[in-house]
PDB file of N, CA and C in Angstrom:
ATOM      1  N   UNK A   1    -136.526  70.980-184.940  1.00  0.00           N
ATOM      2  CA  UNK A   1    -136.729  69.709-185.616  1.00  0.00           C
ATOM      3  C   UNK A   1    -135.928  69.667-186.911  1.00  0.00           C
ATOM      4  N   UNK A   2    -135.492  68.501-187.267  1.00  0.00           N
ATOM      5  CA  UNK A   2    -134.812  68.272-188.542  1.00  0.00           C
ATOM      6  C   UNK A   2    -135.779  67.482-189.414  1.00  0.00           C
ATOM      7  N   UNK A   3    -136.135  68.076-190.547  1.00  0.00           N
ATOM      8  CA  UNK A   3    -137.085  67.474-191.474  1.00  0.00           C
ATOM      9  C   UNK A   3    -136.354  66.916-192.685  1.00  0.00           C
ATOM     10  N   UNK A   4    -136.815  65.787-193.170  1.00  0.00           N
ATOM     11  CA  UNK A   4    -136.379  65.263-194.455  1.00  0.00           C
ATOM     12  C   UNK A   4    -137.305  65.893-195.505  1.00  0.00           C
ATOM     13  N   UNK A   5    -136.751  66.697-196.386  1.00  0.00           N
ATOM     14  CA  UNK A   5    -137.578  67.418-197.350  1.00  0.00           C
ATOM     15  C   UNK A   5    -138.341  66.482-198.278  1.00  0.00           C
ATOM     16  N   UNK A   6    -137.715  65.395-198.688  1.00  0.00           N
ATOM     17  CA  UNK A   6    -138.362  64.487-199.638  1.00  0.00           C
ATOM     18  C   UNK A   6    -139.645  63.876-199.081  1.00  0.00           C
ATOM     19  N   UNK A   7    -139.661  63.577-197.782  1.00  0.00           N
ATOM     20  CA  UNK A   7    -140.821  62.917-197.192  1.00  0.00           C
ATOM     21  C   UNK A   7    -141.651  63.839-196.304  1.00  0.00           C
ATOM     22  N   UNK A   8    -141.064  64.941-195.864  1.00  0.00           N
ATOM     23  CA  UNK A   8    -141.735  65.829-194.924  1.00  0.00           C
ATOM     24  C   UNK A   8    -141.717  65.313-193.495  1.00  0.00           C
ATOM     25  N   UNK A   9    -141.033  64.200-193.259  1.00  0.00           N
ATOM     26  CA  UNK A   9    -140.991  63.594-191.927  1.00  0.00           C
ATOM     27  C   UNK A   9    -139.960  64.277-191.038  1.00  0.00           C
ATOM     28  N   UNK A  10    -140.280  64.321-189.742  1.00  0.00           N
ATOM     29  CA  UNK A  10    -139.280  64.727-188.761  1.00  0.00           C
ATOM     30  C   UNK A  10    -138.340  63.547-188.572  1.00  0.00           C
ATOM     31  N   UNK A  11    -137.055  63.789-188.772  1.00  0.00           N
ATOM     32  CA  UNK A  11    -136.068  62.706-188.658  1.00  0.00           C
ATOM     33  C   UNK A  11    -135.073  62.936-187.532  1.00  0.00           C
ATOM     34  N   UNK A  12    -135.202  64.072-186.840  1.00  0.00           N
ATOM     35  CA  UNK A  12    -134.285  64.339-185.742  1.00  0.00           C
ATOM     36  C   UNK A  12    -134.538  65.703-185.138  1.00  0.00           C
ATOM     37  N   UNK A  13    -133.583  66.108-184.304  1.00  0.00           N
ATOM     38  CA  UNK A  13    -133.672  67.400-183.631  1.00  0.00           C
ATOM     39  C   UNK A  13    -132.285  67.982-183.502  1.00  0.00           C
ATOM     40  N   UNK A  14    -132.214  69.291-183.496  1.00  0.00           N
ATOM     41  CA  UNK A  14    -130.960  69.998-183.289  1.00  0.00           C
ATOM     42  C   UNK A  14    -131.167  71.087-182.262  1.00  0.00           C
ATOM     43  N   UNK A  15    -130.059  71.548-181.684  1.00  0.00           N
ATOM     44  CA  UNK A  15    -130.162  72.575-180.657  1.00  0.00           C
ATOM     45  C   UNK A  15    -128.922  73.450-180.648  1.00  0.00           C
ATOM     46  N   UNK A  16    -129.151  74.691-180.279  1.00  0.00           N
ATOM     47  CA  UNK A  16    -128.075  75.608-179.921  1.00  0.00           C
ATOM     48  C   UNK A  16    -128.394  76.052-178.506  1.00  0.00           C
ATOM     49  N   UNK A  17    -127.455  75.818-177.611  1.00  0.00           N
ATOM     50  CA  UNK A  17    -127.631  76.198-176.211  1.00  0.00           C
ATOM     51  C   UNK A  17    -126.253  76.507-175.648  1.00  0.00           C
ATOM     52  N   UNK A  18    -126.226  77.036-174.450  1.00  0.00           N
ATOM     53  CA  UNK A  18    -124.936  77.230-173.791  1.00  0.00           C
ATOM     54  C   UNK A  18    -124.455  75.885-173.266  1.00  0.00           C
ATOM     55  N   UNK A  19    -123.195  75.593-173.482  1.00  0.00           N
ATOM     56  CA  UNK A  19    -122.596  74.344-173.030  1.00  0.00           C
ATOM     57  C   UNK A  19    -122.856  74.183-171.533  1.00  0.00           C
ATOM     58  N   UNK A  20    -123.339  73.020-171.160  1.00  0.00           N
ATOM     59  CA  UNK A  20    -123.652  72.760-169.763  1.00  0.00           C
ATOM     60  C   UNK A  20    -124.855  73.534-169.262  1.00  0.00           C
ATOM     61  N   UNK A  21    -125.595  74.110-170.211  1.00  0.00           N
ATOM     62  CA  UNK A  21    -126.781  74.916-169.889  1.00  0.00           C
ATOM     63  C   UNK A  21    -126.447  76.073-168.957  1.00  0.00           C
ATOM     64  N   UNK A  22    -125.242  76.642-169.120  1.00  0.00           N
ATOM     65  CA  UNK A  22    -124.772  77.751-168.289  1.00  0.00           C
ATOM     66  C   UNK A  22    -124.364  78.896-169.210  1.00  0.00           C
ATOM     67  N   UNK A  23    -125.017  80.039-169.078  1.00  0.00           N
ATOM     68  CA  UNK A  23    -124.772  81.186-169.967  1.00  0.00           C
ATOM     69  C   UNK A  23    -123.340  81.708-169.886  1.00  0.00           C
ATOM     70  N   UNK A  24    -122.583  81.297-168.884  1.00  0.00           N
ATOM     71  CA  UNK A  24    -121.174  81.697-168.799  1.00  0.00           C
ATOM     72  C   UNK A  24    -120.304  80.909-169.786  1.00  0.00           C
ATOM     73  N   UNK A  25    -120.842  79.827-170.339  1.00  0.00           N
ATOM     74  CA  UNK A  25    -120.097  78.973-171.271  1.00  0.00           C
ATOM     75  C   UNK A  25    -120.414  79.342-172.714  1.00  0.00           C
ATOM     76  N   UNK A  26    -119.555  78.930-173.644  1.00  0.00           N
ATOM     77  CA  UNK A  26    -119.825  79.194-175.067  1.00  0.00           C
ATOM     78  C   UNK A  26    -121.068  78.453-175.551  1.00  0.00           C
ATOM     79  N   UNK A  27    -121.558  78.867-176.700  1.00  0.00           N
ATOM     80  CA  UNK A  27    -122.657  78.153-177.337  1.00  0.00           C
ATOM     81  C   UNK A  27    -122.201  76.765-177.767  1.00  0.00           C
ATOM     82  N   UNK A  28    -123.124  75.835-177.676  1.00  0.00           N
ATOM     83  CA  UNK A  28    -122.909  74.458-178.108  1.00  0.00           C
ATOM     84  C   UNK A  28    -123.946  74.145-179.181  1.00  0.00           C
ATOM     85  N   UNK A  29    -123.538  73.424-180.213  1.00  0.00           N
ATOM     86  CA  UNK A  29    -124.507  72.900-181.173  1.00  0.00           C
ATOM     87  C   UNK A  29    -124.563  71.386-181.010  1.00  0.00           C
ATOM     88  N   UNK A  30    -125.742  70.853-181.218  1.00  0.00           N
ATOM     89  CA  UNK A  30    -125.904  69.415-181.107  1.00  0.00           C
ATOM     90  C   UNK A  30    -127.055  68.937-181.964  1.00  0.00           C
ATOM     91  N   UNK A  31    -127.070  67.665-182.255  1.00  0.00           N
ATOM     92  CA  UNK A  31    -128.096  67.075-183.105  1.00  0.00           C
ATOM     93  C   UNK A  31    -128.287  65.623-182.736  1.00  0.00           C
ATOM     94  N   UNK A  32    -129.456  65.130-183.030  1.00  0.00           N
ATOM     95  CA  UNK A  32    -129.794  63.706-182.888  1.00  0.00           C
ATOM     96  C   UNK A  32    -130.663  63.345-184.081  1.00  0.00           C
ATOM     97  N   UNK A  33    -130.382  62.207-184.662  1.00  0.00           N
ATOM     98  CA  UNK A  33    -131.154  61.723-185.805  1.00  0.00           C
ATOM     99  C   UNK A  33    -131.703  60.332-185.532  1.00  0.00           C
ATOM    100  N   UNK A  34    -132.823  60.040-186.183  1.00  0.00           N
ATOM    101  CA  UNK A  34    -133.317  58.664-186.156  1.00  0.00           C
ATOM    102  C   UNK A  34    -132.231  57.761-186.744  1.00  0.00           C
ATOM    103  N   UNK A  35    -132.079  56.604-186.181  1.00  0.00           N
ATOM    104  CA  UNK A  35    -131.013  55.698-186.608  1.00  0.00           C
ATOM    105  C   UNK A  35    -131.132  55.318-188.083  1.00  0.00           C
ATOM    106  N   UNK A  36    -132.353  55.227-188.616  1.00  0.00           N
ATOM    107  CA  UNK A  36    -132.496  54.851-190.023  1.00  0.00           C
ATOM    108  C   UNK A  36    -132.064  55.968-190.967  1.00  0.00           C
ATOM    109  N   UNK A  37    -131.706  57.139-190.435  1.00  0.00           N
ATOM    110  CA  UNK A  37    -131.258  58.264-191.258  1.00  0.00           C
ATOM    111  C   UNK A  37    -129.770  58.564-191.076  1.00  0.00           C
ATOM    112  N   UNK A  38    -129.084  57.740-190.282  1.00  0.00           N
ATOM    113  CA  UNK A  38    -127.650  57.924-190.093  1.00  0.00           C
ATOM    114  C   UNK A  38    -126.912  57.679-191.409  1.00  0.00           C
ATOM    115  N   UNK A  39    -125.801  58.373-191.593  1.00  0.00           N
ATOM    116  CA  UNK A  39    -124.927  58.143-192.732  1.00  0.00           C
ATOM    117  C   UNK A  39    -125.444  58.675-194.061  1.00  0.00           C
ATOM    118  N   UNK A  40    -126.435  59.555-194.037  1.00  0.00           N
ATOM    119  CA  UNK A  40    -127.008  60.086-195.267  1.00  0.00           C
ATOM    120  C   UNK A  40    -126.746  61.587-195.454  1.00  0.00           C
ATOM    121  N   UNK A  41    -125.923  62.169-194.579  1.00  0.00           N
ATOM    122  CA  UNK A  41    -125.571  63.582-194.717  1.00  0.00           C
ATOM    123  C   UNK A  41    -126.484  64.552-193.990  1.00  0.00           C
ATOM    124  N   UNK A  42    -127.536  64.047-193.358  1.00  0.00           N
ATOM    125  CA  UNK A  42    -128.469  64.940-192.672  1.00  0.00           C
ATOM    126  C   UNK A  42    -127.815  65.662-191.490  1.00  0.00           C
ATOM    127  N   UNK A  43    -126.985  64.971-190.727  1.00  0.00           N
ATOM    128  CA  UNK A  43    -126.332  65.601-189.568  1.00  0.00           C
ATOM    129  C   UNK A  43    -125.394  66.712-190.028  1.00  0.00           C
ATOM    130  N   UNK A  44    -124.639  66.463-191.095  1.00  0.00           N
ATOM    131  CA  UNK A  44    -123.726  67.499-191.604  1.00  0.00           C
ATOM    132  C   UNK A  44    -124.492  68.717-192.093  1.00  0.00           C
ATOM    133  N   UNK A  45    -125.586  68.476-192.793  1.00  0.00           N
ATOM    134  CA  UNK A  45    -126.401  69.588-193.292  1.00  0.00           C
ATOM    135  C   UNK A  45    -126.997  70.384-192.131  1.00  0.00           C
ATOM    136  N   UNK A  46    -127.501  69.701-191.127  1.00  0.00           N
ATOM    137  CA  UNK A  46    -128.068  70.380-189.962  1.00  0.00           C
ATOM    138  C   UNK A  46    -126.990  71.142-189.198  1.00  0.00           C
ATOM    139  N   UNK A  47    -125.821  70.528-189.030  1.00  0.00           N
ATOM    140  CA  UNK A  47    -124.730  71.199-188.309  1.00  0.00           C
ATOM    141  C   UNK A  47    -124.301  72.475-189.020  1.00  0.00           C
ATOM    142  N   UNK A  48    -124.203  72.438-190.353  1.00  0.00           N
ATOM    143  CA  UNK A  48    -123.842  73.653-191.102  1.00  0.00           C
ATOM    144  C   UNK A  48    -124.883  74.747-190.914  1.00  0.00           C
ATOM    145  N   UNK A  49    -126.159  74.379-190.978  1.00  0.00           N
ATOM    146  CA  UNK A  49    -127.228  75.369-190.811  1.00  0.00           C
ATOM    147  C   UNK A  49    -127.208  75.957-189.404  1.00  0.00           C
ATOM    148  N   UNK A  50    -126.995  75.121-188.399  1.00  0.00           N
ATOM    149  CA  UNK A  50    -126.962  75.621-187.022  1.00  0.00           C
ATOM    150  C   UNK A  50    -125.742  76.500-186.784  1.00  0.00           C
ATOM    151  N   UNK A  51    -124.588  76.114-187.332  1.00  0.00           N
ATOM    152  CA  UNK A  51    -123.388  76.943-187.167  1.00  0.00           C
ATOM    153  C   UNK A  51    -123.577  78.294-187.852  1.00  0.00           C
ATOM    154  N   UNK A  52    -124.148  78.287-189.040  1.00  0.00           N
ATOM    155  CA  UNK A  52    -124.399  79.552-189.741  1.00  0.00           C
ATOM    156  C   UNK A  52    -125.313  80.439-188.905  1.00  0.00           C
ATOM    157  N   UNK A  53    -126.372  79.876-188.338  1.00  0.00           N
ATOM    158  CA  UNK A  53    -127.288  80.647-187.502  1.00  0.00           C
ATOM    159  C   UNK A  53    -126.565  81.183-186.272  1.00  0.00           C
ATOM    160  N   UNK A  54    -125.765  80.345-185.634  1.00  0.00           N
ATOM    161  CA  UNK A  54    -125.060  80.764-184.419  1.00  0.00           C
ATOM    162  C   UNK A  54    -124.098  81.913-184.701  1.00  0.00           C
ATOM    163  N   UNK A  55    -123.321  81.799-185.777  1.00  0.00           N
ATOM    164  CA  UNK A  55    -122.330  82.825-186.064  1.00  0.00           C
ATOM    165  C   UNK A  55    -122.931  84.063-186.732  1.00  0.00           C
ATOM    166  N   UNK A  56    -123.870  83.871-187.630  1.00  0.00           N
ATOM    167  CA  UNK A  56    -124.367  84.987-188.431  1.00  0.00           C
ATOM    168  C   UNK A  56    -125.577  85.692-187.824  1.00  0.00           C
ATOM    169  N   UNK A  57    -126.366  84.996-187.032  1.00  0.00           N
ATOM    170  CA  UNK A  57    -127.555  85.608-186.430  1.00  0.00           C
ATOM    171  C   UNK A  57    -127.359  85.878-184.946  1.00  0.00           C
ATOM    172  N   UNK A  58    -126.843  84.903-184.220  1.00  0.00           N
ATOM    173  CA  UNK A  58    -126.623  85.083-182.785  1.00  0.00           C
ATOM    174  C   UNK A  58    -125.305  85.794-182.478  1.00  0.00           C
ATOM    175  N   UNK A  59    -124.451  85.955-183.502  1.00  0.00           N
ATOM    176  CA  UNK A  59    -123.127  86.589-183.339  1.00  0.00           C
ATOM    177  C   UNK A  59    -122.269  85.880-182.293  1.00  0.00           C
ATOM    178  N   UNK A  60    -122.369  84.568-182.255  1.00  0.00           N
ATOM    179  CA  UNK A  60    -121.564  83.776-181.319  1.00  0.00           C
ATOM    180  C   UNK A  60    -120.083  83.940-181.661  1.00  0.00           C
ATOM    181  N   UNK A  61    -119.238  84.192-180.672  1.00  0.00           N
ATOM    182  CA  UNK A  61    -117.806  84.281-180.953  1.00  0.00           C
ATOM    183  C   UNK A  61    -117.158  82.913-181.163  1.00  0.00           C
ATOM    184  N   UNK A  62    -117.806  81.860-180.623  1.00  0.00           N
ATOM    185  CA  UNK A  62    -117.245  80.504-180.720  1.00  0.00           C
ATOM    186  C   UNK A  62    -118.374  79.499-180.540  1.00  0.00           C
ATOM    187  N   UNK A  63    -118.111  78.279-180.972  1.00  0.00           N
ATOM    188  CA  UNK A  63    -119.044  77.164-180.802  1.00  0.00           C
ATOM    189  C   UNK A  63    -118.297  75.958-180.269  1.00  0.00           C
ATOM    190  N   UNK A  64    -119.000  75.156-179.524  1.00  0.00           N
ATOM    191  CA  UNK A  64    -118.491  73.867-179.068  1.00  0.00           C
ATOM    192  C   UNK A  64    -119.502  72.803-179.477  1.00  0.00           C
ATOM    193  N   UNK A  65    -119.042  71.574-179.528  1.00  0.00           N
ATOM    194  CA  UNK A  65    -119.901  70.413-179.723  1.00  0.00           C
ATOM    195  C   UNK A  65    -119.273  69.274-178.940  1.00  0.00           C
ATOM    196  N   UNK A  66    -120.114  68.418-178.381  1.00  0.00           N
ATOM    197  CA  UNK A  66    -119.620  67.284-177.596  1.00  0.00           C
ATOM    198  C   UNK A  66    -120.283  66.006-178.074  1.00  0.00           C
ATOM    199  N   UNK A  67    -119.563  64.915-177.891  1.00  0.00           N
ATOM    200  CA  UNK A  67    -120.127  63.597-178.195  1.00  0.00           C
ATOM    201  C   UNK A  67    -119.428  62.556-177.350  1.00  0.00           C
ATOM    202  N   UNK A  68    -120.017  61.392-177.305  1.00  0.00           N
ATOM    203  CA  UNK A  68    -119.368  60.252-176.669  1.00  0.00           C
ATOM    204  C   UNK A  68    -118.058  60.015-177.417  1.00  0.00           C
ATOM    205  N   UNK A  69    -116.950  59.831-176.717  1.00  0.00           N
ATOM    206  CA  UNK A  69    -115.677  59.620-177.413  1.00  0.00           C
ATOM    207  C   UNK A  69    -115.686  58.449-178.400  1.00  0.00           C
ATOM    208  N   UNK A  70    -116.570  57.480-178.211  1.00  0.00           N
ATOM    209  CA  UNK A  70    -116.652  56.336-179.120  1.00  0.00           C
ATOM    210  C   UNK A  70    -117.500  56.626-180.356  1.00  0.00           C
ATOM    211  N   UNK A  71    -118.192  57.753-180.382  1.00  0.00           N
ATOM    212  CA  UNK A  71    -119.099  58.071-181.492  1.00  0.00           C
ATOM    213  C   UNK A  71    -118.314  58.741-182.630  1.00  0.00           C
ATOM    214  N   UNK A  72    -117.629  57.934-183.400  1.00  0.00           N
ATOM    215  CA  UNK A  72    -116.788  58.453-184.483  1.00  0.00           C
ATOM    216  C   UNK A  72    -117.599  59.116-185.594  1.00  0.00           C
ATOM    217  N   UNK A  73    -118.813  58.677-185.835  1.00  0.00           N
ATOM    218  CA  UNK A  73    -119.636  59.295-186.875  1.00  0.00           C
ATOM    219  C   UNK A  73    -119.948  60.743-186.516  1.00  0.00           C
ATOM    220  N   UNK A  74    -120.326  60.988-185.268  1.00  0.00           N
ATOM    221  CA  UNK A  74    -120.616  62.361-184.839  1.00  0.00           C
ATOM    222  C   UNK A  74    -119.339  63.197-184.852  1.00  0.00           C
ATOM    223  N   UNK A  75    -118.238  62.621-184.413  1.00  0.00           N
ATOM    224  CA  UNK A  75    -116.961  63.336-184.436  1.00  0.00           C
ATOM    225  C   UNK A  75    -116.593  63.737-185.866  1.00  0.00           C
ATOM    226  N   UNK A  76    -116.864  62.876-186.830  1.00  0.00           N
ATOM    227  CA  UNK A  76    -116.562  63.202-188.225  1.00  0.00           C
ATOM    228  C   UNK A  76    -117.408  64.372-188.722  1.00  0.00           C
ATOM    229  N   UNK A  77    -118.663  64.453-188.272  1.00  0.00           N
ATOM    230  CA  UNK A  77    -119.505  65.605-188.630  1.00  0.00           C
ATOM    231  C   UNK A  77    -118.860  66.879-188.104  1.00  0.00           C
ATOM    232  N   UNK A  78    -118.393  66.842-186.876  1.00  0.00           N
ATOM    233  CA  UNK A  78    -117.760  68.020-186.264  1.00  0.00           C
ATOM    234  C   UNK A  78    -116.500  68.414-187.019  1.00  0.00           C
ATOM    235  N   UNK A  79    -115.701  67.447-187.408  1.00  0.00           N
ATOM    236  CA  UNK A  79    -114.483  67.744-188.161  1.00  0.00           C
ATOM    237  C   UNK A  79    -114.813  68.294-189.549  1.00  0.00           C
ATOM    238  N   UNK A  80    -115.807  67.710-190.236  1.00  0.00           N
ATOM    239  CA  UNK A  80    -116.208  68.217-191.552  1.00  0.00           C
ATOM    240  C   UNK A  80    -116.715  69.653-191.462  1.00  0.00           C
ATOM    241  N   UNK A  81    -117.333  69.983-190.341  1.00  0.00           N
ATOM    242  CA  UNK A  81    -117.830  71.333-190.128  1.00  0.00           C
ATOM    243  C   UNK A  81    -116.672  72.325-189.990  1.00  0.00           C
ATOM    244  N   UNK A  82    -115.507  71.831-189.625  1.00  0.00           N
ATOM    245  CA  UNK A  82    -114.341  72.700-189.433  1.00  0.00           C
ATOM    246  C   UNK A  82    -113.943  72.859-187.984  1.00  0.00           C
ATOM    247  N   UNK A  83    -114.560  72.069-187.117  1.00  0.00           N
ATOM    248  CA  UNK A  83    -114.222  72.129-185.705  1.00  0.00           C
ATOM    249  C   UNK A  83    -112.917  71.382-185.454  1.00  0.00           C
ATOM    250  N   UNK A  84    -112.251  71.758-184.376  1.00  0.00           N
ATOM    251  CA  UNK A  84    -111.009  71.108-183.956  1.00  0.00           C
ATOM    252  C   UNK A  84    -111.242  70.353-182.662  1.00  0.00           C
ATOM    253  N   UNK A  85    -110.597  69.215-182.554  1.00  0.00           N
ATOM    254  CA  UNK A  85    -110.697  68.401-181.341  1.00  0.00           C
ATOM    255  C   UNK A  85    -109.943  69.085-180.209  1.00  0.00           C
ATOM    256  N   UNK A  86    -110.579  69.202-179.045  1.00  0.00           N
ATOM    257  CA  UNK A  86    -109.969  69.856-177.878  1.00  0.00           C
ATOM    258  C   UNK A  86    -109.612  68.870-176.782  1.00  0.00           C
ATOM    259  N   UNK A  87    -110.137  67.660-176.823  1.00  0.00           N
ATOM    260  CA  UNK A  87    -109.846  66.686-175.783  1.00  0.00           C
ATOM    261  C   UNK A  87    -111.117  66.154-175.154  1.00  0.00           C
ATOM    262  N   UNK A  88    -110.942  65.391-174.085  1.00  0.00           N
ATOM    263  CA  UNK A  88    -112.073  64.817-173.356  1.00  0.00           C
ATOM    264  C   UNK A  88    -112.287  65.641-172.092  1.00  0.00           C
ATOM    265  N   UNK A  89    -113.533  66.045-171.903  1.00  0.00           N
ATOM    266  CA  UNK A  89    -113.923  66.822-170.733  1.00  0.00           C
ATOM    267  C   UNK A  89    -115.209  66.229-170.165  1.00  0.00           C
ATOM    268  N   UNK A  90    -115.511  66.594-168.945  1.00  0.00           N
ATOM    269  CA  UNK A  90    -116.720  66.086-168.280  1.00  0.00           C
ATOM    270  C   UNK A  90    -117.864  67.077-168.499  1.00  0.00           C
ATOM    271  N   UNK A  91    -118.904  66.641-169.220  1.00  0.00           N
ATOM    272  CA  UNK A  91    -120.114  67.433-169.456  1.00  0.00           C
ATOM    273  C   UNK A  91    -121.313  66.511-169.350  1.00  0.00           C
ATOM    274  N   UNK A  92    -122.393  67.022-168.810  1.00  0.00           N
ATOM    275  CA  UNK A  92    -123.650  66.270-168.740  1.00  0.00           C
ATOM    276  C   UNK A  92    -123.451  64.920-168.044  1.00  0.00           C
ATOM    277  N   UNK A  93    -122.641  64.929-167.001  1.00  0.00           N
ATOM    278  CA  UNK A  93    -122.369  63.737-166.195  1.00  0.00           C
ATOM    279  C   UNK A  93    -121.731  62.599-166.994  1.00  0.00           C
ATOM    280  N   UNK A  94    -120.972  62.954-168.027  1.00  0.00           N
ATOM    281  CA  UNK A  94    -120.292  61.938-168.845  1.00  0.00           C
ATOM    282  C   UNK A  94    -118.987  62.500-169.386  1.00  0.00           C
ATOM    283  N   UNK A  95    -118.052  61.618-169.661  1.00  0.00           N
ATOM    284  CA  UNK A  95    -116.835  62.034-170.354  1.00  0.00           C
ATOM    285  C   UNK A  95    -117.183  62.239-171.817  1.00  0.00           C
ATOM    286  N   UNK A  96    -116.876  63.414-172.342  1.00  0.00           N
ATOM    287  CA  UNK A  96    -117.254  63.775-173.707  1.00  0.00           C
ATOM    288  C   UNK A  96    -116.040  64.229-174.501  1.00  0.00           C
ATOM    289  N   UNK A  97    -116.000  63.849-175.771  1.00  0.00           N
ATOM    290  CA  UNK A  97    -115.038  64.430-176.705  1.00  0.00           C
ATOM    291  C   UNK A  97    -115.565  65.821-177.044  1.00  0.00           C
ATOM    292  N   UNK A  98    -114.689  66.822-176.957  1.00  0.00           N
ATOM    293  CA  UNK A  98    -115.089  68.212-177.172  1.00  0.00           C
ATOM    294  C   UNK A  98    -114.424  68.737-178.438  1.00  0.00           C
ATOM    295  N   UNK A  99    -115.235  69.400-179.263  1.00  0.00           N
ATOM    296  CA  UNK A  99    -114.770  70.015-180.502  1.00  0.00           C
ATOM    297  C   UNK A  99    -115.141  71.495-180.453  1.00  0.00           C
ATOM    298  N   UNK A 100    -114.339  72.335-181.116  1.00  0.00           N
ATOM    299  CA  UNK A 100    -114.564  73.780-181.040  1.00  0.00           C
ATOM    300  C   UNK A 100    -114.218  74.449-182.355  1.00  0.00           C
ATOM    301  N   UNK A 101    -114.841  75.603-182.561  1.00  0.00           N
ATOM    302  CA  UNK A 101    -114.455  76.479-183.666  1.00  0.00           C
ATOM    303  C   UNK A 101    -114.805  77.914-183.282  1.00  0.00           C
ATOM    304  N   UNK A 102    -114.040  78.847-183.823  1.00  0.00           N
ATOM    305  CA  UNK A 102    -114.291  80.264-183.592  1.00  0.00           C
ATOM    306  C   UNK A 102    -115.034  80.853-184.789  1.00  0.00           C
ATOM    307  N   UNK A 103    -115.528  82.054-184.608  1.00  0.00           N
ATOM    308  CA  UNK A 103    -116.186  82.743-185.721  1.00  0.00           C
ATOM    309  C   UNK A 103    -115.204  82.941-186.881  1.00  0.00           C
ATOM    310  N   UNK A 104    -113.952  83.264-186.572  1.00  0.00           N
ATOM    311  CA  UNK A 104    -112.970  83.447-187.653  1.00  0.00           C
ATOM    312  C   UNK A 104    -112.702  82.129-188.381  1.00  0.00           C
ATOM    313  N   UNK A 105    -112.714  80.994-187.656  1.00  0.00           N
ATOM    314  CA  UNK A 105    -112.600  79.684-188.319  1.00  0.00           C
ATOM    315  C   UNK A 105    -113.755  79.511-189.311  1.00  0.00           C
ATOM    316  N   UNK A 106    -114.961  79.845-188.881  1.00  0.00           N
ATOM    317  CA  UNK A 106    -116.168  79.727-189.714  1.00  0.00           C
ATOM    318  C   UNK A 106    -116.049  80.622-190.943  1.00  0.00           C
ATOM    319  N   UNK A 107    -115.632  81.859-190.740  1.00  0.00           N
ATOM    320  CA  UNK A 107    -115.537  82.813-191.861  1.00  0.00           C
ATOM    321  C   UNK A 107    -114.497  82.365-192.875  1.00  0.00           C
ATOM    322  N   UNK A 108    -113.410  81.773-192.429  1.00  0.00           N
ATOM    323  CA  UNK A 108    -112.388  81.278-193.357  1.00  0.00           C
ATOM    324  C   UNK A 108    -112.926  80.143-194.223  1.00  0.00           C
ATOM    325  N   UNK A 109    -113.846  79.344-193.676  1.00  0.00           N
ATOM    326  CA  UNK A 109    -114.404  78.216-194.431  1.00  0.00           C
ATOM    327  C   UNK A 109    -115.540  78.624-195.354  1.00  0.00           C
ATOM    328  N   UNK A 110    -116.154  79.772-195.075  1.00  0.00           N
ATOM    329  CA  UNK A 110    -117.330  80.214-195.864  1.00  0.00           C
ATOM    330  C   UNK A 110    -116.978  80.646-197.275  1.00  0.00           C
TER     331      UNK A 110
END
């Protein structure tokens, strides 16, 4: 769950899982926020915390994130995190914009 500290309310959810729910694939990070909390930095803060956990605790060698290609706000979160655009691929029965970063990319930004 993603909590807003000021109010104590749950405002969204985040996840770290294997892309496509298949352990043969890299870890994926993802988030969803209530619409009234969009554009306030919560997604970026959650993405940074999840990436830190993935790289520093789970020892993930790489991370991926996907979004609807039209979702520019989510894509901007991925870019601010330091991810690179890889193209459009088919995941979860939809065409998705795919972003990626390696552990060394993360360490260079830290």
